[in-house]
Protein backbone atom coordinates (compact mmCIF):
# COMPACT_ATOMS: atom_id res chain seq x y z
CA MET A 1 138.01 -46.37 -67.71
CA PHE A 2 135.91 -43.23 -67.00
CA LEU A 3 133.28 -45.32 -65.21
CA ASP A 4 132.59 -42.31 -62.98
CA PHE A 5 131.83 -40.31 -66.12
CA LEU A 6 129.17 -42.87 -67.10
CA THR A 7 127.49 -42.60 -63.70
CA HIS A 8 127.79 -38.80 -63.93
CA LEU A 9 125.94 -38.80 -67.25
CA ARG A 10 123.22 -41.02 -65.83
CA SER A 11 122.88 -38.79 -62.77
CA ARG A 12 122.14 -35.91 -65.16
CA GLY A 13 119.21 -37.81 -66.66
CA LEU A 14 120.97 -39.15 -69.76
CA LYS A 15 120.00 -42.77 -70.43
CA VAL A 16 123.33 -44.17 -71.61
CA SER A 17 123.23 -47.94 -72.08
CA LEU A 18 126.16 -50.29 -71.45
CA THR A 19 126.27 -51.09 -75.17
CA GLU A 20 126.72 -47.42 -76.02
CA TRP A 21 129.32 -47.02 -73.30
CA MET A 22 131.30 -50.01 -74.56
CA GLY A 23 131.32 -48.28 -77.96
CA VAL A 24 133.01 -45.30 -76.30
CA MET A 25 135.55 -47.60 -74.67
CA GLN A 26 136.26 -49.27 -78.02
CA ALA A 27 136.87 -45.86 -79.60
CA LEU A 28 139.35 -45.04 -76.83
CA ASP A 29 141.05 -48.41 -77.18
CA GLN A 30 141.53 -47.87 -80.91
CA GLY A 31 143.07 -44.46 -80.32
CA LEU A 32 140.34 -42.53 -82.16
CA CYS A 33 140.39 -39.79 -79.54
CA GLY A 34 144.16 -39.50 -79.26
CA GLU A 35 145.03 -36.99 -76.52
CA SER A 36 142.33 -34.57 -77.60
CA LEU A 37 139.51 -33.83 -75.19
CA ASP A 38 137.61 -32.26 -78.09
CA ARG A 39 137.69 -35.50 -80.06
CA PHE A 40 136.66 -37.50 -77.00
CA HIS A 41 133.74 -35.08 -76.51
CA THR A 42 132.64 -35.45 -80.16
CA ILE A 43 132.87 -39.24 -80.21
CA SER A 44 131.26 -39.83 -76.81
CA ARG A 45 128.41 -37.45 -77.62
CA ALA A 46 127.79 -39.14 -80.98
CA LEU A 47 127.66 -42.57 -79.31
CA CYS A 48 125.80 -41.70 -76.11
CA VAL A 49 123.14 -39.20 -77.20
CA LYS A 50 120.19 -40.76 -78.98
CA ASN A 51 118.03 -37.64 -79.31
CA GLU A 52 119.20 -34.19 -80.40
CA THR A 53 117.11 -32.61 -77.65
CA HIS A 54 119.59 -34.12 -75.16
CA LEU A 55 122.69 -32.58 -76.78
CA ASP A 56 122.67 -29.57 -74.49
CA ALA A 57 122.26 -31.74 -71.38
CA PHE A 58 125.23 -33.86 -72.48
CA ASP A 59 127.39 -30.78 -73.09
CA GLN A 60 126.60 -29.44 -69.62
CA ALA A 61 127.35 -32.81 -68.00
CA PHE A 62 130.61 -33.13 -69.96
CA ALA A 63 131.71 -29.59 -69.04
CA SER A 64 130.98 -30.10 -65.34
CA TYR A 65 132.85 -33.43 -65.20
CA PHE A 66 135.94 -32.38 -67.13
CA GLN A 67 136.06 -28.82 -65.85
CA GLY A 68 139.67 -27.67 -65.61
CA VAL A 69 141.09 -30.66 -67.50
CA ILE A 70 143.57 -29.79 -70.26
CA ALA A 71 144.21 -32.89 -72.36
CA SER A 72 146.29 -31.43 -75.17
CA PRO A 73 149.93 -30.46 -74.44
CA ASP A 74 150.28 -27.93 -77.26
CA LEU A 75 150.93 -24.24 -76.76
CA LEU A 76 147.38 -23.02 -77.23
CA ALA A 77 146.13 -25.35 -74.47
CA ARG A 78 148.82 -24.05 -72.11
CA VAL A 79 147.90 -20.46 -72.93
CA LEU A 80 144.27 -21.17 -72.10
CA GLU A 81 145.40 -22.77 -68.83
CA TRP A 82 147.29 -19.60 -67.90
CA LEU A 83 144.15 -17.61 -68.58
CA GLU A 84 141.97 -19.67 -66.24
CA LYS A 85 143.02 -17.74 -63.12
CA PRO A 86 143.21 -14.11 -64.12
CA VAL A 87 144.91 -11.42 -62.09
CA LEU A 88 142.44 -8.61 -61.60
CA PRO A 89 143.39 -5.42 -63.41
CA ARG A 90 144.53 -2.40 -61.46
CA ASP A 91 142.79 0.93 -61.89
CA LEU A 92 144.35 3.01 -64.65
CA SER A 93 144.65 6.76 -64.49
CA PRO A 94 143.04 8.85 -67.26
CA GLU A 95 146.54 9.61 -68.57
CA GLU A 96 147.41 5.91 -68.82
CA ARG A 97 144.15 5.15 -70.62
CA SER A 98 144.76 7.93 -73.13
CA ARG A 99 148.17 6.48 -74.01
CA LEU A 100 146.67 3.14 -75.03
CA LYS A 101 146.12 2.98 -78.78
CA ALA A 102 143.63 0.65 -80.44
CA LEU A 103 145.24 -1.48 -83.18
CA ASP A 104 143.45 -2.23 -86.43
CA LEU A 105 142.05 -5.71 -86.95
CA HIS A 106 144.72 -7.03 -89.33
CA GLU A 107 147.56 -5.87 -87.08
CA LEU A 108 145.86 -7.51 -84.08
CA ARG A 109 145.62 -10.85 -85.89
CA ARG A 110 149.27 -10.71 -86.95
CA ARG A 111 150.58 -9.89 -83.47
CA PHE A 112 148.34 -12.46 -81.80
CA GLN A 113 149.66 -15.24 -84.06
CA GLU A 114 153.25 -14.13 -83.39
CA LEU A 115 152.72 -14.37 -79.64
CA LEU A 116 151.14 -17.83 -79.95
CA ASP A 117 154.29 -18.96 -81.77
CA THR A 118 156.80 -17.41 -79.36
CA GLN A 119 155.29 -16.98 -75.90
CA LYS A 120 156.53 -19.61 -73.43
CA GLU A 121 155.20 -18.55 -70.03
CA ARG A 122 152.26 -17.05 -68.23
CA HIS A 123 151.85 -13.27 -68.05
CA ASP A 124 149.60 -11.19 -65.81
CA GLY A 125 149.26 -7.44 -65.58
CA GLY A 126 151.47 -6.75 -68.60
CA ASN A 127 151.09 -4.60 -71.69
CA LYS A 128 152.36 -6.91 -74.45
CA TYR A 129 151.89 -10.66 -74.05
CA ILE A 130 148.78 -12.85 -73.92
CA GLY A 131 147.69 -12.65 -70.31
CA THR A 132 145.22 -11.35 -67.77
CA GLY A 133 144.59 -8.18 -65.85
CA GLY A 134 146.85 -5.89 -67.86
CA THR A 135 146.68 -3.45 -70.73
CA SER A 136 147.76 -5.89 -73.45
CA PRO A 137 145.27 -6.24 -76.33
CA PHE A 138 145.49 -10.05 -75.97
CA GLY A 139 143.95 -12.10 -73.15
CA HIS A 140 141.12 -11.13 -70.86
CA GLY A 141 140.20 -9.41 -67.64
CA GLY A 142 142.22 -6.26 -68.35
CA TYR A 143 141.75 -2.97 -70.10
CA ASN A 144 142.50 -2.07 -73.70
CA PRO A 145 140.44 -0.01 -76.19
CA ALA A 146 140.10 -3.07 -78.43
CA GLY A 147 141.73 -6.44 -78.67
CA ILE A 148 141.40 -10.20 -78.96
CA ARG A 149 139.82 -11.96 -75.99
CA ALA A 150 141.40 -15.39 -75.40
CA GLY A 151 139.49 -17.44 -72.84
CA GLY A 152 137.63 -16.07 -69.84
CA ALA A 153 134.76 -13.62 -69.75
CA GLY A 154 134.82 -10.13 -71.20
CA GLY A 155 134.78 -7.09 -68.99
CA ASN A 156 134.85 -3.95 -71.14
CA ARG A 157 133.03 -5.53 -74.11
CA SER A 158 135.46 -4.00 -76.59
CA ALA A 159 136.93 -7.20 -78.05
CA LEU A 160 137.32 -7.30 -81.83
CA LYS A 161 137.85 -11.06 -81.90
CA ILE A 162 137.38 -13.98 -79.52
CA ALA A 163 140.06 -16.63 -80.04
CA THR A 164 138.16 -19.60 -78.72
CA ARG A 165 135.47 -21.91 -79.94
CA ARG A 166 132.10 -20.15 -79.77
CA VAL A 167 129.40 -22.36 -78.26
CA PHE A 168 125.89 -21.00 -78.64
CA ARG A 169 122.59 -22.25 -77.31
CA ASN A 170 119.11 -22.00 -78.76
CA LEU A 171 116.51 -20.14 -76.75
CA ARG A 172 113.99 -22.15 -74.76
CA ASP A 173 110.40 -21.92 -75.95
CA ASP A 174 108.70 -23.23 -72.80
CA ARG A 175 108.85 -20.10 -70.62
CA VAL A 176 105.41 -19.37 -69.16
CA LEU A 177 105.96 -16.47 -66.73
CA ASP A 178 104.45 -13.28 -68.23
CA VAL A 179 104.23 -14.94 -71.62
CA ARG A 180 100.51 -14.19 -71.86
CA GLN A 181 101.06 -10.42 -71.76
CA ILE A 182 103.67 -10.62 -74.49
CA SER A 183 101.40 -12.91 -76.53
CA LEU A 184 98.59 -10.36 -76.31
CA ALA A 185 100.93 -7.62 -77.53
CA LEU A 186 102.12 -9.74 -80.45
CA SER A 187 98.61 -10.86 -81.36
CA ALA A 188 97.78 -7.23 -82.19
CA LEU A 189 99.67 -7.83 -85.43
CA ARG A 190 96.90 -10.04 -86.75
CA ARG A 191 95.20 -8.88 -89.92
CA LEU A 192 92.01 -10.69 -90.91
CA THR A 193 91.14 -11.00 -94.60
CA ARG A 194 88.59 -13.07 -96.45
CA ASP A 195 90.37 -15.80 -98.35
CA GLY A 196 89.74 -19.22 -99.82
CA ALA A 197 86.51 -20.91 -100.96
CA PRO A 198 83.11 -19.45 -99.94
CA ASP A 199 82.36 -22.00 -97.21
CA GLU A 200 81.18 -19.76 -94.33
CA LEU A 201 77.44 -19.05 -93.93
CA ASP A 202 76.65 -15.34 -94.24
CA LEU A 203 73.67 -15.21 -91.90
CA GLU A 204 72.86 -11.52 -92.46
CA SER A 205 72.84 -11.86 -96.24
CA THR A 206 70.80 -15.08 -96.02
CA VAL A 207 68.05 -13.35 -93.98
CA LYS A 208 68.06 -10.39 -96.35
CA ARG A 209 67.80 -12.69 -99.40
CA ALA A 210 64.90 -14.61 -97.76
CA GLY A 211 63.00 -11.31 -97.29
CA GLU A 212 63.57 -10.40 -100.92
CA ASN A 213 62.31 -13.87 -101.99
CA ALA A 214 59.06 -13.67 -99.98
CA GLY A 215 60.29 -16.12 -97.35
CA ASP A 216 61.94 -18.57 -99.68
CA VAL A 217 65.25 -19.37 -97.95
CA GLU A 218 68.37 -19.21 -100.06
CA LEU A 219 71.63 -19.83 -98.19
CA VAL A 220 74.38 -17.31 -98.92
CA PHE A 221 78.00 -18.25 -98.30
CA ARG A 222 81.15 -16.16 -98.16
CA ARG A 223 84.86 -16.65 -97.77
CA ALA A 224 85.99 -17.11 -94.16
CA ARG A 225 88.07 -14.42 -92.52
CA LYS A 226 91.58 -15.73 -91.95
CA ASN A 227 94.62 -14.16 -90.45
CA SER A 228 97.16 -13.47 -93.19
CA VAL A 229 100.04 -12.26 -91.01
CA LYS A 230 103.42 -13.98 -91.46
CA VAL A 231 106.15 -13.21 -88.91
CA ALA A 232 109.91 -13.80 -89.03
CA LEU A 233 111.71 -13.55 -85.69
CA LEU A 234 115.49 -12.95 -85.81
CA MET A 235 117.21 -13.27 -82.43
CA ASP A 236 120.77 -12.47 -81.35
CA VAL A 237 122.19 -15.06 -78.92
CA GLY A 238 125.48 -15.44 -77.08
CA GLY A 239 128.05 -12.94 -75.87
CA SER A 240 126.52 -9.83 -74.32
CA MET A 241 123.04 -11.22 -75.04
CA ASP A 242 123.60 -13.83 -72.29
CA ASP A 243 122.62 -11.06 -69.86
CA HIS A 244 119.17 -10.93 -71.47
CA VAL A 245 118.41 -14.62 -72.02
CA HIS A 246 115.37 -14.65 -69.73
CA VAL A 247 113.45 -11.82 -71.39
CA CYS A 248 114.39 -13.11 -74.87
CA GLU A 249 113.08 -16.55 -73.99
CA LEU A 250 109.82 -14.96 -72.86
CA VAL A 251 109.43 -13.29 -76.27
CA PHE A 252 110.38 -16.51 -78.06
CA SER A 253 107.92 -18.57 -76.01
CA ALA A 254 105.16 -16.01 -76.59
CA ALA A 255 105.72 -15.95 -80.34
CA ARG A 256 105.59 -19.75 -80.47
CA THR A 257 102.29 -19.82 -78.58
CA VAL A 258 100.48 -17.09 -80.54
CA HIS A 259 97.87 -18.76 -82.76
CA HIS A 260 96.98 -15.61 -84.67
CA PHE A 261 99.79 -15.86 -87.20
CA LYS A 262 99.39 -17.57 -90.53
CA GLN A 263 103.06 -18.49 -90.41
CA LEU A 264 105.99 -18.02 -88.02
CA LYS A 265 109.67 -18.59 -88.74
CA HIS A 266 112.56 -18.03 -86.34
CA PHE A 267 116.27 -17.64 -86.95
CA TYR A 268 119.29 -17.05 -84.72
CA PHE A 269 122.45 -15.03 -85.31
CA HIS A 270 125.31 -13.71 -83.19
CA ASN A 271 125.83 -9.93 -83.10
CA CYS A 272 125.08 -9.52 -86.83
CA PRO A 273 123.37 -11.61 -89.49
CA TYR A 274 125.97 -12.54 -92.07
CA GLU A 275 125.71 -14.96 -94.99
CA GLN A 276 123.93 -17.60 -92.85
CA LEU A 277 121.05 -17.57 -90.40
CA PHE A 278 120.55 -20.45 -87.98
CA GLU A 279 117.43 -22.43 -87.16
CA ASP A 280 119.55 -24.36 -84.65
CA ILE A 281 122.62 -22.32 -83.74
CA SER A 282 123.99 -24.93 -81.32
CA LEU A 283 124.41 -27.26 -84.32
CA ARG A 284 125.28 -24.41 -86.71
CA ARG A 285 122.37 -25.48 -88.88
CA GLY A 286 120.33 -23.09 -90.98
CA PRO A 287 119.75 -21.59 -94.44
CA ALA A 288 121.84 -19.07 -96.30
CA THR A 289 120.64 -15.53 -95.69
CA VAL A 290 120.13 -14.96 -99.41
CA GLU A 291 117.74 -17.94 -99.42
CA VAL A 292 115.72 -16.42 -96.59
CA LEU A 293 115.56 -13.08 -98.42
CA ARG A 294 114.46 -14.92 -101.56
CA ASP A 295 111.87 -17.20 -99.97
CA LEU A 296 110.16 -14.65 -97.70
CA ASP A 297 108.28 -12.00 -99.68
CA PRO A 298 108.03 -8.35 -98.55
CA SER A 299 104.63 -8.96 -96.91
CA TRP A 300 106.35 -10.65 -93.93
CA TYR A 301 106.67 -8.86 -90.62
CA VAL A 302 110.23 -9.02 -89.29
CA LEU A 303 111.11 -8.57 -85.61
CA ILE A 304 114.81 -8.47 -84.78
CA VAL A 305 115.85 -8.90 -81.14
CA GLY A 306 119.37 -7.91 -80.12
CA ASP A 307 121.38 -5.39 -78.09
CA ALA A 308 123.31 -4.19 -81.19
CA ALA A 309 126.44 -4.13 -78.99
CA MET A 310 129.66 -5.13 -80.72
CA ALA A 311 132.98 -3.74 -81.85
CA PRO A 312 132.46 -1.18 -84.67
CA THR A 313 134.75 -3.23 -86.94
CA GLU A 314 132.36 -6.18 -86.77
CA LEU A 315 129.54 -4.05 -88.10
CA LEU A 316 131.49 -1.92 -90.56
CA VAL A 317 134.63 -3.77 -91.74
CA PRO A 318 134.95 -6.85 -94.02
CA GLY A 319 136.46 -9.72 -92.04
CA GLY A 320 135.41 -8.04 -88.79
CA SER A 321 133.31 -10.91 -87.45
CA ILE A 322 134.14 -11.57 -83.80
CA ASP A 323 134.40 -15.29 -84.57
CA TRP A 324 138.10 -15.98 -85.20
CA TYR A 325 137.17 -18.82 -87.58
CA HIS A 326 134.63 -16.83 -89.62
CA PRO A 327 136.35 -14.53 -92.15
CA ASN A 328 133.22 -12.77 -93.43
CA ASP A 329 133.73 -11.15 -96.83
CA GLU A 330 131.07 -8.50 -96.25
CA PRO A 331 130.52 -6.45 -93.09
CA GLY A 332 127.41 -6.99 -91.00
CA ILE A 333 125.87 -3.64 -91.95
CA VAL A 334 125.58 -4.77 -95.58
CA TRP A 335 123.38 -7.71 -94.58
CA LEU A 336 121.28 -5.50 -92.29
CA GLN A 337 120.70 -3.08 -95.16
CA ARG A 338 119.61 -5.95 -97.40
CA ILE A 339 117.10 -7.08 -94.79
CA ALA A 340 115.76 -3.52 -94.49
CA ARG A 341 115.38 -3.20 -98.27
CA ARG A 342 113.59 -6.54 -98.55
CA PHE A 343 111.12 -6.07 -95.70
CA PRO A 344 109.37 -2.72 -95.21
CA ARG A 345 107.62 -4.07 -92.11
CA VAL A 346 110.55 -4.50 -89.71
CA ALA A 347 111.36 -3.38 -86.15
CA TRP A 348 114.36 -3.90 -83.86
CA LEU A 349 113.77 -4.74 -80.18
CA ASN A 350 116.69 -3.86 -77.91
CA PRO A 351 116.92 -5.36 -74.37
CA LEU A 352 119.18 -2.47 -73.31
CA PRO A 353 117.42 0.62 -71.92
CA PRO A 354 117.43 3.60 -74.34
CA ALA A 355 119.99 5.37 -72.14
CA GLY A 356 122.51 2.76 -73.33
CA TRP A 357 121.87 3.31 -77.04
CA MET A 358 124.60 5.92 -77.56
CA THR A 359 127.35 3.53 -78.72
CA THR A 360 128.54 3.58 -82.32
CA THR A 361 127.00 0.30 -83.41
CA VAL A 362 123.61 0.96 -81.80
CA ARG A 363 123.42 4.35 -83.50
CA HIS A 364 124.30 2.85 -86.90
CA ILE A 365 121.71 0.09 -86.59
CA GLY A 366 119.13 2.58 -85.29
CA GLN A 367 119.50 4.48 -88.56
CA ILE A 368 118.59 1.33 -90.51
CA PHE A 369 115.73 -0.04 -88.39
CA PRO A 370 113.20 1.61 -86.09
CA MET A 371 114.45 0.58 -82.63
CA PHE A 372 112.29 -0.02 -79.56
CA PRO A 373 113.17 -1.16 -76.01
CA LEU A 374 112.42 -4.80 -75.24
CA THR A 375 109.78 -4.01 -72.63
CA LEU A 376 106.05 -4.61 -72.74
CA GLY A 377 105.49 -0.96 -73.64
CA GLY A 378 108.27 -1.03 -76.24
CA LEU A 379 106.83 -4.19 -77.78
CA ARG A 380 103.41 -2.54 -78.07
CA ASP A 381 105.02 0.51 -79.70
CA ALA A 382 106.84 -1.75 -82.16
CA VAL A 383 103.61 -3.58 -83.03
CA ASN A 384 101.77 -0.27 -83.53
CA HIS A 385 104.62 0.91 -85.79
CA LEU A 386 104.32 -2.23 -87.92
CA ARG A 387 100.55 -1.87 -88.18
CA ARG A 388 100.92 1.75 -89.32
CA THR A 389 103.46 0.62 -91.90
CA ILE A 390 100.85 -1.73 -93.37
CA SER A 391 98.20 0.95 -93.56
CA ARG A 392 100.40 3.31 -95.62
């Protein structure tokens, strides 16, 4: 069973042995996967992947092989199937747009759950049910001031919630194109201080001391100059940031290759840092944000990379997180304010051009952090700002 899937995995460079594959077959035979494609994915990945660096390659191979397969017969699976082939929305007149009213977050959740319980067929181009191409606040590919995106890709970027499993990927750190220029800009943060034991020969003082001692040489040592800069890099991934993956990976690669930092830590988040930051967001693994704020003292530089684009409720309202399964007790802006209070040396790098910074959430975040465009010039300006902050 699924022998073609085994050869597909091997064709993608995954070295799956027959012993591992027989373990997958045994799990199927014992009914551990049931009719759930999710459970089959979890079990087969656990048995077939021997190194966590291959998890992403397995996920891509699994997605390409089982693309379009719906294994579970329940209602939610059928709704997602309806949403796979959206009907493109028609153009709305200004009068029609003005009549659409954005619902608050709690009302959206209530209505969405009601429709999941009662809806029995596909809908396209409508204004009420879960569907595509219409003005309903539920579904995707249509127009509504704010709603819940279920399946598919966003178009107007006004969704308050996304009712699907969020799968995020870490940024690659092996980008080499233009990394050197970014590295040079980041290396301007270095700050050399004399620290440690006096183990470096001070040639000038030694010569001076020899002259004072009538030629009798006395070696003079001093503490070596070492770079004392510590940098924390916080990077937004997923959603609208997928449009900027390349430039973000350049920055990430450059930061990893700069040897002028005493210490470098990186963390991921999606849209807003909440109560947890991720060292590996694909595995949802990382420390609590309060631990990061406790462990990193105010001398750290902090660079935050993100487009600051999200629904205003996500930034400003408790429980507003776009992740349906993440009922955050505190809004994102509270955590951003805590970061700003903890670290005086912080700058926000935005991949969007400044002309696109007029949205509500960008303006709010711009009042908390100095914001610079994620260009070479913007990065230099951010570095200069951080250096001036130190000198004050």
